[in-house]
Amino acid sequence: MAKESIKARERKREHLVAKYAKKRAELKAAAITKRLINCQKNASPVRLHNRCKLTGRPKGYMRKFGINRVTFREMASAGKIPGITKSSW
C-alpha cells in the first residue's frame, strides 16, 4: 500500500490538470510557449501516473477497472466485481 502522502500528491496533480486544461489548450493553440513554460509543472498531464484507486500501487494498473492486478484478483475471487468470474474449464 502506498503512503498517504504519495496518494494525496497524485490527487493534487489530477486536480491541477483539470483546473488548467482549458488555459493550457489555449496557450498551445496560440503557440505561446513562454507563458506555457511559466505555468505550474504539476498542471501538465504528462506528470500524472496511473495508480490503483484503492491501494495507490503504481504498477500492474488495469485501466478498465482503475485498480491494480493484485486488488483485482482479490475482488474478483470475492465476487465484488460484477460480471467477473474465475475461469475454469
PDB file of N, CA and C in Angstrom:
ATOM      1  N   MET A   1       0.847  -1.170   0.000  1.00  0.00           N
ATOM      2  CA  MET A   1       0.000   0.000   0.000  1.00  0.00           C
ATOM      3  C   MET A   1       0.892   1.234   0.000  1.00  0.00           C
ATOM      4  N   ALA A   2       0.581   2.174  -0.874  1.00  0.00           N
ATOM      5  CA  ALA A   2       1.363   3.399  -0.986  1.00  0.00           C
ATOM      6  C   ALA A   2       1.091   4.317   0.206  1.00  0.00           C
ATOM      7  N   LYS A   3       2.067   5.173   0.471  1.00  0.00           N
ATOM      8  CA  LYS A   3       1.895   6.127   1.567  1.00  0.00           C
ATOM      9  C   LYS A   3       0.793   7.121   1.215  1.00  0.00           C
ATOM     10  N   GLU A   4       0.120   7.609   2.227  1.00  0.00           N
ATOM     11  CA  GLU A   4      -0.978   8.558   2.016  1.00  0.00           C
ATOM     12  C   GLU A   4      -0.479   9.837   1.360  1.00  0.00           C
ATOM     13  N   SER A   5       0.746  10.251   1.661  1.00  0.00           N
ATOM     14  CA  SER A   5       1.276  11.485   1.078  1.00  0.00           C
ATOM     15  C   SER A   5       1.452  11.355  -0.431  1.00  0.00           C
ATOM     16  N   ILE A   6       1.840  10.175  -0.896  1.00  0.00           N
ATOM     17  CA  ILE A   6       2.022   9.963  -2.336  1.00  0.00           C
ATOM     18  C   ILE A   6       0.674   9.943  -3.039  1.00  0.00           C
ATOM     19  N   LYS A   7      -0.315   9.289  -2.409  1.00  0.00           N
ATOM     20  CA  LYS A   7      -1.655   9.273  -2.997  1.00  0.00           C
ATOM     21  C   LYS A   7      -2.248  10.680  -3.035  1.00  0.00           C
ATOM     22  N   ALA A   8      -2.015  11.465  -1.985  1.00  0.00           N
ATOM     23  CA  ALA A   8      -2.518  12.839  -1.935  1.00  0.00           C
ATOM     24  C   ALA A   8      -1.846  13.701  -2.998  1.00  0.00           C
ATOM     25  N   ARG A   9      -0.558  13.506  -3.216  1.00  0.00           N
ATOM     26  CA  ARG A   9       0.174  14.257  -4.231  1.00  0.00           C
ATOM     27  C   ARG A   9      -0.400  13.975  -5.627  1.00  0.00           C
ATOM     28  N   GLU A  10      -0.738  12.712  -5.877  1.00  0.00           N
ATOM     29  CA  GLU A  10      -1.299  12.338  -7.179  1.00  0.00           C
ATOM     30  C   GLU A  10      -2.691  12.942  -7.360  1.00  0.00           C
ATOM     31  N   ARG A  11      -3.501  12.947  -6.298  1.00  0.00           N
ATOM     32  CA  ARG A  11      -4.832  13.574  -6.378  1.00  0.00           C
ATOM     33  C   ARG A  11      -4.707  15.071  -6.641  1.00  0.00           C
ATOM     34  N   LYS A  12      -3.714  15.710  -6.014  1.00  0.00           N
ATOM     35  CA  LYS A  12      -3.480  17.135  -6.221  1.00  0.00           C
ATOM     36  C   LYS A  12      -3.123  17.415  -7.682  1.00  0.00           C
ATOM     37  N   ARG A  13      -2.267  16.563  -8.252  1.00  0.00           N
ATOM     38  CA  ARG A  13      -1.897  16.721  -9.661  1.00  0.00           C
ATOM     39  C   ARG A  13      -3.102  16.569 -10.573  1.00  0.00           C
ATOM     40  N   GLU A  14      -3.963  15.577 -10.283  1.00  0.00           N
ATOM     41  CA  GLU A  14      -5.169  15.378 -11.091  1.00  0.00           C
ATOM     42  C   GLU A  14      -6.052  16.623 -11.048  1.00  0.00           C
ATOM     43  N   HIS A  15      -6.168  17.213  -9.871  1.00  0.00           N
ATOM     44  CA  HIS A  15      -6.976  18.422  -9.715  1.00  0.00           C
ATOM     45  C   HIS A  15      -6.384  19.581 -10.524  1.00  0.00           C
ATOM     46  N   LEU A  16      -5.064  19.761 -10.452  1.00  0.00           N
ATOM     47  CA  LEU A  16      -4.413  20.848 -11.190  1.00  0.00           C
ATOM     48  C   LEU A  16      -4.514  20.666 -12.695  1.00  0.00           C
ATOM     49  N   VAL A  17      -4.397  19.429 -13.174  1.00  0.00           N
ATOM     50  CA  VAL A  17      -4.516  19.169 -14.609  1.00  0.00           C
ATOM     51  C   VAL A  17      -5.912  19.559 -15.086  1.00  0.00           C
ATOM     52  N   ALA A  18      -6.937  19.180 -14.325  1.00  0.00           N
ATOM     53  CA  ALA A  18      -8.310  19.522 -14.695  1.00  0.00           C
ATOM     54  C   ALA A  18      -8.534  21.031 -14.648  1.00  0.00           C
ATOM     55  N   LYS A  19      -7.952  21.688 -13.645  1.00  0.00           N
ATOM     56  CA  LYS A  19      -8.145  23.126 -13.463  1.00  0.00           C
ATOM     57  C   LYS A  19      -7.520  23.939 -14.600  1.00  0.00           C
ATOM     58  N   TYR A  20      -6.315  23.560 -15.027  1.00  0.00           N
ATOM     59  CA  TYR A  20      -5.583  24.340 -16.025  1.00  0.00           C
ATOM     60  C   TYR A  20      -5.682  23.781 -17.448  1.00  0.00           C
ATOM     61  N   ALA A  21      -6.511  22.783 -17.689  1.00  0.00           N
ATOM     62  CA  ALA A  21      -6.598  22.160 -19.009  1.00  0.00           C
ATOM     63  C   ALA A  21      -7.004  23.158 -20.083  1.00  0.00           C
ATOM     64  N   LYS A  22      -8.021  23.960 -19.802  1.00  0.00           N
ATOM     65  CA  LYS A  22      -8.510  24.922 -20.793  1.00  0.00           C
ATOM     66  C   LYS A  22      -7.448  25.981 -21.085  1.00  0.00           C
ATOM     67  N   LYS A  23      -6.822  26.501 -20.046  1.00  0.00           N
ATOM     68  CA  LYS A  23      -5.795  27.536 -20.208  1.00  0.00           C
ATOM     69  C   LYS A  23      -4.604  27.002 -20.999  1.00  0.00           C
ATOM     70  N   ARG A  24      -4.173  25.774 -20.690  1.00  0.00           N
ATOM     71  CA  ARG A  24      -3.041  25.177 -21.404  1.00  0.00           C
ATOM     72  C   ARG A  24      -3.379  24.951 -22.870  1.00  0.00           C
ATOM     73  N   ALA A  25      -4.612  24.529 -23.164  1.00  0.00           N
ATOM     74  CA  ALA A  25      -5.023  24.296 -24.550  1.00  0.00           C
ATOM     75  C   ALA A  25      -5.021  25.601 -25.343  1.00  0.00           C
ATOM     76  N   GLU A  26      -5.489  26.684 -24.714  1.00  0.00           N
ATOM     77  CA  GLU A  26      -5.493  27.986 -25.400  1.00  0.00           C
ATOM     78  C   GLU A  26      -4.075  28.463 -25.693  1.00  0.00           C
ATOM     79  N   LEU A  27      -3.174  28.304 -24.722  1.00  0.00           N
ATOM     80  CA  LEU A  27      -1.791  28.738 -24.932  1.00  0.00           C
ATOM     81  C   LEU A  27      -1.096  27.882 -25.992  1.00  0.00           C
ATOM     82  N   LYS A  28      -1.394  26.603 -26.024  1.00  0.00           N
ATOM     83  CA  LYS A  28      -0.800  25.742 -27.046  1.00  0.00           C
ATOM     84  C   LYS A  28      -1.316  26.098 -28.427  1.00  0.00           C
ATOM     85  N   ALA A  29      -2.609  26.402 -28.531  1.00  0.00           N
ATOM     86  CA  ALA A  29      -3.191  26.757 -29.824  1.00  0.00           C
ATOM     87  C   ALA A  29      -2.608  28.062 -30.347  1.00  0.00           C
ATOM     88  N   ALA A  30      -2.327  28.992 -29.437  1.00  0.00           N
ATOM     89  CA  ALA A  30      -1.758  30.275 -29.833  1.00  0.00           C
ATOM     90  C   ALA A  30      -0.235  30.203 -29.964  1.00  0.00           C
ATOM     91  N   ALA A  31       0.341  29.044 -29.644  1.00  0.00           N
ATOM     92  CA  ALA A  31       1.793  28.827 -29.730  1.00  0.00           C
ATOM     93  C   ALA A  31       2.574  29.821 -28.880  1.00  0.00           C
ATOM     94  N   ILE A  32       2.074  30.086 -27.680  1.00  0.00           N
ATOM     95  CA  ILE A  32       2.765  30.973 -26.742  1.00  0.00           C
ATOM     96  C   ILE A  32       3.512  30.079 -25.757  1.00  0.00           C
ATOM     97  N   THR A  33       4.732  29.703 -26.110  1.00  0.00           N
ATOM     98  CA  THR A  33       5.472  28.754 -25.292  1.00  0.00           C
ATOM     99  C   THR A  33       6.061  29.385 -24.038  1.00  0.00           C
ATOM    100  N   LYS A  34       6.392  30.673 -24.080  1.00  0.00           N
ATOM    101  CA  LYS A  34       6.987  31.306 -22.899  1.00  0.00           C
ATOM    102  C   LYS A  34       6.017  31.308 -21.723  1.00  0.00           C
ATOM    103  N   ARG A  35       4.754  31.625 -21.987  1.00  0.00           N
ATOM    104  CA  ARG A  35       3.766  31.637 -20.905  1.00  0.00           C
ATOM    105  C   ARG A  35       3.423  30.225 -20.474  1.00  0.00           C
ATOM    106  N   LEU A  36       3.501  29.277 -21.422  1.00  0.00           N
ATOM    107  CA  LEU A  36       3.218  27.887 -21.094  1.00  0.00           C
ATOM    108  C   LEU A  36       4.294  27.326 -20.170  1.00  0.00           C
ATOM    109  N   ILE A  37       5.524  27.752 -20.378  1.00  0.00           N
ATOM    110  CA  ILE A  37       6.626  27.317 -19.517  1.00  0.00           C
ATOM    111  C   ILE A  37       6.427  27.839 -18.098  1.00  0.00           C
ATOM    112  N   ASN A  38       5.854  29.029 -17.954  1.00  0.00           N
ATOM    113  CA  ASN A  38       5.652  29.630 -16.636  1.00  0.00           C
ATOM    114  C   ASN A  38       4.482  29.016 -15.864  1.00  0.00           C
ATOM    115  N   CYS A  39       3.672  28.184 -16.522  1.00  0.00           N
ATOM    116  CA  CYS A  39       2.576  27.507 -15.821  1.00  0.00           C
ATOM    117  C   CYS A  39       3.145  26.513 -14.811  1.00  0.00           C
ATOM    118  N   GLN A  40       2.293  26.088 -13.900  1.00  0.00           N
ATOM    119  CA  GLN A  40       2.736  25.116 -12.903  1.00  0.00           C
ATOM    120  C   GLN A  40       3.105  23.800 -13.581  1.00  0.00           C
ATOM    121  N   LYS A  41       4.204  23.202 -13.126  1.00  0.00           N
ATOM    122  CA  LYS A  41       4.651  21.956 -13.736  1.00  0.00           C
ATOM    123  C   LYS A  41       3.667  20.819 -13.473  1.00  0.00           C
ATOM    124  N   ASN A  42       3.063  20.824 -12.300  1.00  0.00           N
ATOM    125  CA  ASN A  42       2.119  19.757 -11.976  1.00  0.00           C
ATOM    126  C   ASN A  42       0.795  19.889 -12.722  1.00  0.00           C
ATOM    127  N   ALA A  43       0.598  20.964 -13.459  1.00  0.00           N
ATOM    128  CA  ALA A  43      -0.613  21.128 -14.254  1.00  0.00           C
ATOM    129  C   ALA A  43      -0.489  20.421 -15.597  1.00  0.00           C
ATOM    130  N   SER A  44       0.678  19.897 -15.897  1.00  0.00           N
ATOM    131  CA  SER A  44       0.894  19.179 -17.150  1.00  0.00           C
ATOM    132  C   SER A  44       0.374  17.749 -17.029  1.00  0.00           C
ATOM    133  N   PRO A  45      -0.410  17.272 -17.993  1.00  0.00           N
ATOM    134  CA  PRO A  45      -0.949  15.918 -17.903  1.00  0.00           C
ATOM    135  C   PRO A  45       0.124  14.831 -17.997  1.00  0.00           C
ATOM    136  N   VAL A  46       1.293  15.178 -18.486  1.00  0.00           N
ATOM    137  CA  VAL A  46       2.380  14.206 -18.602  1.00  0.00           C
ATOM    138  C   VAL A  46       2.864  13.749 -17.227  1.00  0.00           C
ATOM    139  N   ARG A  47       2.705  14.582 -16.231  1.00  0.00           N
ATOM    140  CA  ARG A  47       3.196  14.263 -14.891  1.00  0.00           C
ATOM    141  C   ARG A  47       2.272  13.330 -14.104  1.00  0.00           C
ATOM    142  N   LEU A  48       1.094  13.045 -14.649  1.00  0.00           N
ATOM    143  CA  LEU A  48       0.180  12.113 -13.983  1.00  0.00           C
ATOM    144  C   LEU A  48       0.681  10.687 -14.147  1.00  0.00           C
ATOM    145  N   HIS A  49       0.411   9.872 -13.151  1.00  0.00           N
ATOM    146  CA  HIS A  49       0.781   8.463 -13.209  1.00  0.00           C
ATOM    147  C   HIS A  49      -0.421   7.652 -12.766  1.00  0.00           C
ATOM    148  N   ASN A  50      -0.757   6.613 -13.518  1.00  0.00           N
ATOM    149  CA  ASN A  50      -1.891   5.776 -13.149  1.00  0.00           C
ATOM    150  C   ASN A  50      -1.585   5.015 -11.869  1.00  0.00           C
ATOM    151  N   ARG A  51      -2.471   5.141 -10.902  1.00  0.00           N
ATOM    152  CA  ARG A  51      -2.325   4.431  -9.632  1.00  0.00           C
ATOM    153  C   ARG A  51      -3.645   3.766  -9.282  1.00  0.00           C
ATOM    154  N   CYS A  52      -3.548   2.687  -8.541  1.00  0.00           N
ATOM    155  CA  CYS A  52      -4.737   1.977  -8.066  1.00  0.00           C
ATOM    156  C   CYS A  52      -5.553   2.927  -7.187  1.00  0.00           C
ATOM    157  N   LYS A  53      -6.855   2.977  -7.413  1.00  0.00           N
ATOM    158  CA  LYS A  53      -7.715   3.881  -6.641  1.00  0.00           C
ATOM    159  C   LYS A  53      -7.883   3.424  -5.197  1.00  0.00           C
ATOM    160  N   LEU A  54      -7.658   2.152  -4.923  1.00  0.00           N
ATOM    161  CA  LEU A  54      -7.851   1.638  -3.571  1.00  0.00           C
ATOM    162  C   LEU A  54      -6.554   1.602  -2.767  1.00  0.00           C
ATOM    163  N   THR A  55      -5.479   1.116  -3.378  1.00  0.00           N
ATOM    164  CA  THR A  55      -4.234   0.941  -2.633  1.00  0.00           C
ATOM    165  C   THR A  55      -3.160   1.947  -2.993  1.00  0.00           C
ATOM    166  N   GLY A  56      -3.245   2.557  -4.172  1.00  0.00           N
ATOM    167  CA  GLY A  56      -2.226   3.511  -4.597  1.00  0.00           C
ATOM    168  C   GLY A  56      -1.038   2.859  -5.281  1.00  0.00           C
ATOM    169  N   ARG A  57      -1.111   1.565  -5.534  1.00  0.00           N
ATOM    170  CA  ARG A  57       0.007   0.855  -6.163  1.00  0.00           C
ATOM    171  C   ARG A  57       0.184   1.350  -7.598  1.00  0.00           C
ATOM    172  N   PRO A  58       1.430   1.706  -8.004  1.00  0.00           N
ATOM    173  CA  PRO A  58       1.645   2.271  -9.332  1.00  0.00           C
ATOM    174  C   PRO A  58       1.834   1.233 -10.438  1.00  0.00           C
ATOM    175  N   LYS A  59       2.169   0.018 -10.087  1.00  0.00           N
ATOM    176  CA  LYS A  59       2.447  -0.991 -11.110  1.00  0.00           C
ATOM    177  C   LYS A  59       1.302  -1.987 -11.216  1.00  0.00           C
ATOM    178  N   GLY A  60       1.154  -2.585 -12.380  1.00  0.00           N
ATOM    179  CA  GLY A  60       0.099  -3.570 -12.592  1.00  0.00           C
ATOM    180  C   GLY A  60      -1.277  -2.940 -12.666  1.00  0.00           C
ATOM    181  N   TYR A  61      -1.354  -1.706 -13.141  1.00  0.00           N
ATOM    182  CA  TYR A  61      -2.616  -0.954 -13.195  1.00  0.00           C
ATOM    183  C   TYR A  61      -3.464  -1.419 -14.373  1.00  0.00           C
ATOM    184  N   MET A  62      -4.743  -1.640 -14.137  1.00  0.00           N
ATOM    185  CA  MET A  62      -5.677  -2.038 -15.190  1.00  0.00           C
ATOM    186  C   MET A  62      -6.620  -0.863 -15.449  1.00  0.00           C
ATOM    187  N   ARG A  63      -6.489  -0.256 -16.622  1.00  0.00           N
ATOM    188  CA  ARG A  63      -7.255   0.953 -16.939  1.00  0.00           C
ATOM    189  C   ARG A  63      -8.767   0.744 -16.883  1.00  0.00           C
ATOM    190  N   LYS A  64      -9.214  -0.380 -17.380  1.00  0.00           N
ATOM    191  CA  LYS A  64     -10.651  -0.632 -17.459  1.00  0.00           C
ATOM    192  C   LYS A  64     -11.329  -0.585 -16.088  1.00  0.00           C
ATOM    193  N   PHE A  65     -10.605  -1.021 -15.059  1.00  0.00           N
ATOM    194  CA  PHE A  65     -11.182  -1.101 -13.721  1.00  0.00           C
ATOM    195  C   PHE A  65     -10.660  -0.034 -12.774  1.00  0.00           C
ATOM    196  N   GLY A  66      -9.507   0.562 -13.075  1.00  0.00           N
ATOM    197  CA  GLY A  66      -8.939   1.597 -12.225  1.00  0.00           C
ATOM    198  C   GLY A  66      -8.245   1.066 -10.980  1.00  0.00           C
ATOM    199  N   ILE A  67      -7.968  -0.238 -10.980  1.00  0.00           N
ATOM    200  CA  ILE A  67      -7.280  -0.852  -9.849  1.00  0.00           C
ATOM    201  C   ILE A  67      -6.113  -1.691 -10.364  1.00  0.00           C
ATOM    202  N   ASN A  68      -5.260  -2.133  -9.451  1.00  0.00           N
ATOM    203  CA  ASN A  68      -4.119  -2.941  -9.868  1.00  0.00           C
ATOM    204  C   ASN A  68      -4.504  -4.419  -9.937  1.00  0.00           C
ATOM    205  N   ARG A  69      -3.610  -5.222 -10.487  1.00  0.00           N
ATOM    206  CA  ARG A  69      -3.898  -6.634 -10.728  1.00  0.00           C
ATOM    207  C   ARG A  69      -4.107  -7.437  -9.443  1.00  0.00           C
ATOM    208  N   VAL A  70      -3.383  -7.091  -8.381  1.00  0.00           N
ATOM    209  CA  VAL A  70      -3.496  -7.828  -7.128  1.00  0.00           C
ATOM    210  C   VAL A  70      -4.869  -7.575  -6.495  1.00  0.00           C
ATOM    211  N   THR A  71      -5.247  -6.317  -6.430  1.00  0.00           N
ATOM    212  CA  THR A  71      -6.555  -5.957  -5.876  1.00  0.00           C
ATOM    213  C   THR A  71      -7.679  -6.516  -6.738  1.00  0.00           C
ATOM    214  N   PHE A  72      -7.472  -6.472  -8.057  1.00  0.00           N
ATOM    215  CA  PHE A  72      -8.476  -7.009  -8.983  1.00  0.00           C
ATOM    216  C   PHE A  72      -8.719  -8.494  -8.709  1.00  0.00           C
ATOM    217  N   ARG A  73      -7.640  -9.246  -8.544  1.00  0.00           N
ATOM    218  CA  ARG A  73      -7.787 -10.682  -8.310  1.00  0.00           C
ATOM    219  C   ARG A  73      -8.501 -10.965  -6.993  1.00  0.00           C
ATOM    220  N   GLU A  74      -8.148 -10.216  -5.946  1.00  0.00           N
ATOM    221  CA  GLU A  74      -8.800 -10.406  -4.645  1.00  0.00           C
ATOM    222  C   GLU A  74     -10.295 -10.104  -4.739  1.00  0.00           C
ATOM    223  N   MET A  75     -10.632  -8.993  -5.395  1.00  0.00           N
ATOM    224  CA  MET A  75     -12.032  -8.600  -5.503  1.00  0.00           C
ATOM    225  C   MET A  75     -12.815  -9.557  -6.405  1.00  0.00           C
ATOM    226  N   ALA A  76     -12.187 -10.018  -7.487  1.00  0.00           N
ATOM    227  CA  ALA A  76     -12.860 -10.952  -8.391  1.00  0.00           C
ATOM    228  C   ALA A  76     -13.126 -12.279  -7.696  1.00  0.00           C
ATOM    229  N   SER A  77     -12.165 -12.756  -6.915  1.00  0.00           N
ATOM    230  CA  SER A  77     -12.344 -14.021  -6.189  1.00  0.00           C
ATOM    231  C   SER A  77     -13.434 -13.898  -5.128  1.00  0.00           C
ATOM    232  N   ALA A  78     -13.553 -12.718  -4.540  1.00  0.00           N
ATOM    233  CA  ALA A  78     -14.585 -12.491  -3.522  1.00  0.00           C
ATOM    234  C   ALA A  78     -15.945 -12.186  -4.144  1.00  0.00           C
ATOM    235  N   GLY A  79     -15.994 -12.022  -5.465  1.00  0.00           N
ATOM    236  CA  GLY A  79     -17.263 -11.743  -6.146  1.00  0.00           C
ATOM    237  C   GLY A  79     -17.711 -10.306  -6.027  1.00  0.00           C
ATOM    238  N   LYS A  80     -16.779  -9.381  -5.807  1.00  0.00           N
ATOM    239  CA  LYS A  80     -17.130  -7.975  -5.624  1.00  0.00           C
ATOM    240  C   LYS A  80     -17.158  -7.188  -6.930  1.00  0.00           C
ATOM    241  N   ILE A  81     -16.714  -7.797  -8.034  1.00  0.00           N
ATOM    242  CA  ILE A  81     -16.728  -7.121  -9.331  1.00  0.00           C
ATOM    243  C   ILE A  81     -17.797  -7.792 -10.182  1.00  0.00           C
ATOM    244  N   PRO A  82     -18.865  -7.095 -10.544  1.00  0.00           N
ATOM    245  CA  PRO A  82     -19.950  -7.691 -11.313  1.00  0.00           C
ATOM    246  C   PRO A  82     -19.478  -8.164 -12.690  1.00  0.00           C
ATOM    247  N   GLY A  83     -19.913  -9.356 -13.072  1.00  0.00           N
ATOM    248  CA  GLY A  83     -19.608  -9.902 -14.404  1.00  0.00           C
ATOM    249  C   GLY A  83     -18.256 -10.563 -14.519  1.00  0.00           C
ATOM    250  N   ILE A  84     -17.467 -10.600 -13.465  1.00  0.00           N
ATOM    251  CA  ILE A  84     -16.148 -11.224 -13.493  1.00  0.00           C
ATOM    252  C   ILE A  84     -16.210 -12.516 -12.675  1.00  0.00           C
ATOM    253  N   THR A  85     -15.841 -13.632 -13.311  1.00  0.00           N
ATOM    254  CA  THR A  85     -15.783 -14.892 -12.600  1.00  0.00           C
ATOM    255  C   THR A  85     -14.435 -15.548 -12.874  1.00  0.00           C
ATOM    256  N   LYS A  86     -14.010 -16.394 -11.975  1.00  0.00           N
ATOM    257  CA  LYS A  86     -12.758 -17.114 -12.156  1.00  0.00           C
ATOM    258  C   LYS A  86     -12.952 -18.155 -13.240  1.00  0.00           C
ATOM    259  N   SER A  87     -12.012 -18.199 -14.145  1.00  0.00           N
ATOM    260  CA  SER A  87     -12.113 -19.105 -15.274  1.00  0.00           C
ATOM    261  C   SER A  87     -11.872 -20.547 -14.841  1.00  0.00           C
ATOM    262  N   SER A  88     -12.654 -21.459 -15.413  1.00  0.00           N
ATOM    263  CA  SER A  88     -12.429 -22.896 -15.168  1.00  0.00           C
ATOM    264  C   SER A  88     -12.919 -23.657 -16.400  1.00  0.00           C
ATOM    265  N   TRP A  89     -12.170 -24.693 -16.792  1.00  0.00           N
ATOM    266  CA  TRP A  89     -12.563 -25.495 -17.939  1.00  0.00           C
ATOM    267  C   TRP A  89     -12.157 -26.934 -17.779  1.00  0.00           C
TER     268      TRP A  89
END
